[in-house]
Protein backbone atom coordinates (compact mmCIF):
# COMPACT_ATOMS: atom_id res chain seq x y z
CA MET A 1 0.00 0.00 0.00
CA SER A 2 1.42 3.33 -1.00
CA ARG A 3 1.58 6.06 1.56
CA VAL A 4 0.36 9.58 0.92
CA LYS A 5 3.10 12.03 1.52
CA LYS A 6 2.13 15.11 3.50
CA ALA A 7 3.26 18.44 2.15
CA TYR A 8 5.61 20.19 4.49
CA ILE A 9 6.48 23.84 4.35
CA GLY A 10 9.71 24.53 6.06
CA PRO A 11 10.67 27.74 7.84
CA GLU A 12 12.44 28.97 4.74
CA ARG A 13 9.28 28.71 2.61
CA TRP A 14 7.14 30.29 5.32
CA MET A 15 9.42 33.28 5.23
CA ILE A 16 8.43 33.67 1.56
CA VAL A 17 4.74 32.64 1.70
CA LEU A 18 3.70 34.53 4.84
CA PRO A 19 4.42 38.05 3.53
CA ILE A 20 2.52 37.22 0.32
CA VAL A 21 -0.49 36.01 2.31
CA ILE A 22 -0.41 39.12 4.49
CA VAL A 23 -0.22 41.38 1.44
CA LEU A 24 -3.19 39.59 -0.17
CA ILE A 25 -5.25 39.92 3.00
CA VAL A 26 -4.44 43.62 3.27
CA VAL A 27 -5.23 44.23 -0.39
CA ALA A 28 -8.54 42.37 -0.07
CA ALA A 29 -9.47 44.32 3.06
CA LEU A 30 -8.62 47.62 1.37
CA GLY A 31 -10.62 46.56 -1.69
CA VAL A 32 -13.68 45.70 0.40
CA ARG A 33 -13.35 48.98 2.27
CA TYR A 34 -13.03 50.93 -0.98
CA VAL A 35 -16.03 49.23 -2.58
CA LYS A 36 -18.13 49.66 0.55
CA LYS A 37 -17.19 53.33 0.84
CA ASN A 38 -17.53 54.31 -2.81
CA TYR A 39 -20.23 51.97 -4.13
CA THR A 40 -22.88 52.41 -1.46
CA VAL A 41 -26.08 53.60 -3.10
CA THR A 42 -27.39 56.94 -1.87
CA ASN A 43 -29.28 58.09 -5.00
CA VAL A 44 -31.99 56.05 -6.74
CA THR A 45 -34.22 56.89 -9.71
CA VAL A 46 -37.09 54.64 -10.80
CA THR A 47 -38.91 54.68 -14.15
CA GLY A 48 -41.60 52.53 -15.75
CA ASN A 49 -43.49 51.87 -12.50
CA GLN A 50 -47.25 52.38 -12.30
CA HIS A 51 -48.60 49.87 -9.80
CA TYR A 52 -45.90 50.54 -7.20
CA THR A 53 -44.35 53.74 -5.90
CA SER A 54 -40.69 54.49 -6.51
CA GLU A 55 -40.02 53.95 -2.81
CA GLN A 56 -41.64 50.50 -2.92
CA ILE A 57 -39.58 49.49 -5.97
CA ALA A 58 -36.36 50.72 -4.33
CA ASP A 59 -37.13 48.74 -1.17
CA MET A 60 -37.79 45.60 -3.23
CA VAL A 61 -34.49 45.92 -5.10
CA MET A 62 -32.24 47.12 -2.28
CA SER A 63 -32.83 44.28 0.16
CA GLY A 64 -30.42 41.84 1.79
CA PRO A 65 -26.88 42.30 3.11
CA LEU A 66 -25.54 43.64 -0.23
CA GLY A 67 -28.72 45.46 -1.16
CA HIS A 68 -27.08 48.89 -1.06
CA ASN A 69 -24.05 47.97 -3.16
CA SER A 70 -24.34 49.31 -6.70
CA LEU A 71 -21.92 46.77 -8.21
CA TYR A 72 -23.90 43.88 -6.75
CA LEU A 73 -27.26 45.32 -7.83
CA GLY A 74 -26.05 46.04 -11.35
CA PHE A 75 -24.92 42.44 -11.70
CA VAL A 76 -27.95 40.72 -10.11
CA TYR A 77 -30.65 42.88 -11.71
CA LYS A 78 -29.42 42.92 -15.28
CA ASP A 79 -32.68 42.19 -17.17
CA LYS A 80 -33.78 40.03 -14.26
CA VAL A 81 -37.09 38.19 -14.68
CA ILE A 82 -39.27 38.80 -11.63
CA ASP A 83 -41.35 35.90 -10.32
CA ASP A 84 -42.50 37.09 -6.90
CA ILE A 85 -43.73 40.65 -7.55
CA PRO A 86 -47.23 40.93 -9.04
CA PHE A 87 -47.58 43.01 -12.24
CA VAL A 88 -43.78 43.24 -12.75
CA GLU A 89 -42.19 41.33 -15.64
CA THR A 90 -38.53 42.37 -15.39
CA MET A 91 -36.36 44.99 -13.70
CA ASP A 92 -33.04 46.39 -14.85
CA VAL A 93 -30.53 48.25 -12.67
CA ASP A 94 -27.94 50.55 -14.30
CA ILE A 95 -25.03 52.08 -12.41
CA VAL A 96 -25.18 55.79 -13.14
CA ALA A 97 -22.37 56.59 -10.71
CA PRO A 98 -20.69 54.58 -7.93
CA ASP A 99 -23.30 55.89 -5.48
CA SER A 100 -26.23 56.20 -7.91
CA ILE A 101 -28.41 53.65 -9.70
CA ALA A 102 -31.31 53.84 -12.15
CA ILE A 103 -34.01 51.16 -11.85
CA THR A 104 -36.13 50.50 -14.95
CA VAL A 105 -39.33 48.56 -14.31
CA TYR A 106 -41.05 46.62 -17.07
CA GLU A 107 -44.58 45.84 -15.95
CA LYS A 108 -46.82 43.14 -17.34
CA ALA A 109 -49.22 44.44 -19.98
CA ILE A 110 -52.57 44.05 -18.21
CA ALA A 111 -55.73 44.48 -20.30
CA GLY A 112 -58.26 43.92 -17.51
CA CYS A 113 -59.38 41.71 -14.65
CA VAL A 114 -62.30 39.40 -13.91
CA GLU A 115 -63.54 38.04 -10.61
CA TYR A 116 -63.47 34.30 -9.94
CA LEU A 117 -63.96 32.53 -6.60
CA ASP A 118 -63.39 35.74 -4.63
CA ARG A 119 -60.11 36.37 -6.49
CA TYR A 120 -59.29 38.96 -9.13
CA MET A 121 -57.75 37.38 -12.21
CA TYR A 122 -55.67 39.80 -14.28
CA PHE A 123 -55.23 39.01 -17.96
CA ASP A 124 -53.14 40.41 -20.79
CA LYS A 125 -54.10 41.47 -24.31
CA ASP A 126 -54.29 37.83 -25.43
CA GLY A 127 -56.52 36.78 -22.53
CA ILE A 128 -53.70 34.98 -20.69
CA VAL A 129 -54.19 35.11 -16.92
CA VAL A 130 -50.93 36.59 -15.64
CA GLU A 131 -51.79 37.29 -12.01
CA SER A 132 -54.22 36.27 -9.28
CA SER A 133 -54.84 38.54 -6.31
CA SER A 134 -57.28 39.06 -3.48
CA ALA A 135 -56.99 42.82 -4.07
CA ARG A 136 -58.46 44.74 -6.96
CA GLN A 137 -56.27 47.36 -8.63
CA SER A 138 -58.43 50.43 -9.22
CA ASP A 139 -56.46 51.50 -12.30
CA ILE A 140 -57.07 48.22 -14.15
CA PRO A 141 -60.43 47.83 -15.94
CA TYR A 142 -62.84 45.49 -14.15
CA VAL A 143 -64.60 43.39 -16.78
CA THR A 144 -67.89 41.55 -16.27
CA GLY A 145 -70.20 39.54 -18.50
CA LEU A 146 -67.57 37.08 -19.74
CA LYS A 147 -68.64 33.45 -19.38
CA PHE A 148 -66.14 30.83 -18.18
CA ASP A 149 -66.26 27.77 -15.91
CA TYR A 150 -62.67 27.73 -14.66
CA VAL A 151 -59.51 29.82 -14.57
CA VAL A 152 -55.91 28.56 -14.77
CA LEU A 153 -52.99 30.86 -14.05
CA TYR A 154 -50.78 31.51 -17.11
CA GLU A 155 -53.43 30.09 -19.44
CA LYS A 156 -56.05 31.83 -21.59
CA LEU A 157 -59.45 32.57 -20.09
CA PRO A 158 -61.78 29.90 -21.52
CA VAL A 159 -64.40 32.18 -23.04
CA GLY A 160 -66.38 31.23 -26.12
CA ASP A 161 -65.32 34.11 -28.37
CA GLU A 162 -61.58 34.77 -28.08
CA GLY A 163 -62.03 37.88 -30.22
CA ILE A 164 -63.48 39.54 -27.12
CA PHE A 165 -59.95 40.15 -25.83
CA LYS A 166 -59.11 42.25 -28.87
CA ASN A 167 -62.26 44.28 -28.22
CA ILE A 168 -61.36 44.70 -24.55
CA LEU A 169 -57.86 45.88 -25.42
CA ASN A 170 -59.17 48.29 -28.06
CA LEU A 171 -61.69 49.74 -25.61
CA THR A 172 -59.29 50.06 -22.68
CA GLN A 173 -56.64 51.70 -24.85
CA LEU A 174 -59.16 54.32 -25.98
CA MET A 175 -60.26 54.87 -22.39
CA SER A 176 -56.64 55.44 -21.42
CA LYS A 177 -56.15 57.77 -24.41
CA TYR A 178 -59.10 59.95 -23.38
CA SER A 179 -58.50 59.63 -19.61
CA ILE A 180 -61.81 57.86 -19.03
CA VAL A 181 -61.96 55.88 -15.80
CA THR A 182 -64.89 53.53 -15.27
CA ASP A 183 -65.93 51.33 -12.37
CA GLN A 184 -66.89 48.42 -14.56
CA ILE A 185 -67.02 47.30 -18.19
CA TYR A 186 -69.84 44.91 -19.02
CA PHE A 187 -69.99 42.83 -22.21
CA ASP A 188 -73.20 41.03 -23.11
CA MET A 189 -73.45 37.88 -25.25
CA ASP A 190 -73.90 39.96 -28.42
CA GLY A 191 -70.78 42.05 -27.90
CA ASN A 192 -72.58 45.14 -26.68
CA VAL A 193 -70.77 47.21 -24.06
CA ARG A 194 -72.01 49.02 -20.98
CA LEU A 195 -69.80 51.26 -18.83
CA TYR A 196 -70.52 52.04 -15.17
CA PHE A 197 -69.74 55.39 -13.55
CA GLY A 198 -71.00 55.18 -9.99
CA THR A 199 -74.80 55.00 -10.23
CA ALA A 200 -74.81 56.10 -13.88
CA LYS A 201 -74.51 53.69 -16.79
CA VAL A 202 -73.57 54.25 -20.42
CA ASP A 203 -74.76 51.85 -23.12
CA LEU A 204 -72.24 52.02 -25.97
CA GLY A 205 -73.76 49.25 -28.03
CA THR A 206 -71.20 47.57 -30.30
CA LEU A 207 -67.68 48.90 -30.80
CA ASP A 208 -68.63 50.45 -34.14
CA ASP A 209 -67.54 54.11 -34.20
CA ILE A 210 -66.08 53.54 -30.73
CA ASP A 211 -63.41 56.23 -31.13
CA GLU A 212 -66.06 58.88 -31.86
CA LYS A 213 -68.21 57.60 -28.98
CA MET A 214 -65.29 57.94 -26.58
CA ILE A 215 -64.64 61.50 -27.69
CA LYS A 216 -68.30 62.41 -27.04
CA LEU A 217 -68.38 60.51 -23.75
CA LYS A 218 -65.32 62.34 -22.41
CA GLY A 219 -67.24 65.61 -22.41
CA ILE A 220 -70.37 64.07 -20.91
CA ILE A 221 -68.82 62.19 -17.96
CA PRO A 222 -68.60 65.18 -15.56
CA ASP A 223 -72.36 65.68 -15.79
CA LEU A 224 -73.09 62.03 -15.01
CA ALA A 225 -71.90 62.52 -11.41
CA GLY A 226 -74.72 61.79 -8.99
CA LEU A 227 -77.18 60.70 -11.67
CA GLU A 228 -78.96 57.36 -11.47
CA GLY A 229 -79.87 56.04 -14.86
CA THR A 230 -78.62 55.06 -18.28
CA LEU A 231 -77.20 57.15 -21.11
CA TYR A 232 -77.89 55.49 -24.46
CA MET A 233 -75.12 55.93 -27.03
CA ASP A 234 -75.78 52.67 -28.85
CA ASP A 235 -77.51 54.39 -31.78
CA TYR A 236 -74.74 56.94 -32.30
CA SER A 237 -74.20 58.38 -35.77
CA GLU A 238 -71.97 61.14 -37.07
CA ASP A 239 -75.01 63.19 -38.10
CA ASP A 240 -76.73 62.96 -34.71
CA ASP A 241 -75.24 64.46 -31.54
CA TYR A 242 -78.27 63.71 -29.42
CA PHE A 243 -78.35 60.93 -26.83
CA THR A 244 -81.12 59.71 -24.56
CA PHE A 245 -80.78 59.49 -20.79
CA GLN A 246 -83.31 57.51 -18.79
CA ARG A 247 -83.50 57.83 -15.03
CA ASP A 248 -83.82 54.70 -12.92
CA ASP A 249 -86.49 56.14 -10.64
CA VAL A 250 -88.91 57.05 -13.43
CA GLU A 251 -90.21 54.28 -15.65
CA GLN A 252 -90.68 56.49 -18.70
CA HIS A 253 -88.52 59.57 -18.34
CA ASP A 254 -86.33 60.41 -21.33
CA TYR A 255 -84.76 63.61 -22.40
CA LEU A 256 -82.38 64.53 -25.17
CA VAL A 257 -78.92 65.96 -24.70
CA GLU A 258 -76.56 67.55 -27.16
CA GLU A 259 -72.95 66.50 -26.63
CA ASN A 260 -73.04 67.44 -22.95
CA ILE A 261 -75.82 66.32 -20.59
CA GLY A 262 -75.64 69.49 -18.53
CA GLU A 263 -75.60 71.86 -21.49
CA GLU A 264 -78.27 74.48 -20.86
CA ASP A 265 -79.02 75.13 -24.50
CA ALA A 266 -80.01 71.51 -25.13
CA GLU A 267 -83.78 71.87 -25.26
CA PRO A 268 -85.93 68.76 -24.77
CA ASP A 269 -88.43 67.68 -27.37
CA GLU A 270 -91.90 69.09 -26.54
CA ASP A 271 -93.65 65.74 -26.92
CA VAL A 272 -91.14 64.07 -24.62
CA LEU A 273 -91.43 66.90 -22.10
CA ASP A 274 -95.23 66.58 -22.02
CA GLU A 275 -94.93 62.86 -21.49
CA ASN A 276 -92.44 63.36 -18.63
CA GLN A 277 -94.66 65.88 -16.90
CA SER A 278 -97.62 63.56 -17.21
CA SER A 279 -95.56 60.69 -15.92
CA GLU A 280 -94.29 62.65 -12.93
CA GLY A 281 -97.76 63.97 -12.15
CA GLU A 282 -99.07 60.45 -11.89
């Protein structure tokens, strides 16, 4: 059986090795001290975030024992895919200066959300469910009327007409363009759309001429505040700026409006006015 020879460093070699080891230790300590002193993050800028504040994003990124070291963050968060933060796809950290970083947030493209088993299911433009949450985000359209029997995370919502997702995206993009915020978007089985603004409802009908309808609706919304009833825009045409509003508390109570419900110079039709007065008198 062969014996393993043990390495032996004599005094002469130690006289050579020991100074080298000491120098390496000193250099390493100085390097750590330099990095810690000069690469500690004190300035942070965040862009691309909508669902989280800049402070929340900074806290998420700058966590852990090396969370305030710009070199470490720049290496770890280089186009990093995020799995544990809802609504965030990736985040990128760039070193602007040794003590400054820029965080770029790339959020998931959310088209809307539906409610299922007391959870809010957020889906993208293709109808893929990308997030499930017990909380509803107020800035994401809440969609009702879609029919489905089950929901699977990261799979498409099993609705009958998959073209509905294109309609939802088209509608929500126009709402964002014209700064229209609604409480709820309802789609019926025929593709007609109803928007909810508190106790007021707006029947848009189909998405034909939807851009023009949105332009008209933007000017009407302020006057819907506090009203209980339905504004009918389903029969919109370019040659007709009049829409009918029916109150919920009067069975037959219609009046015509021109572009803006509260516009004083929009005179009601005499026949309709007589009918309203008769109805109210009863």
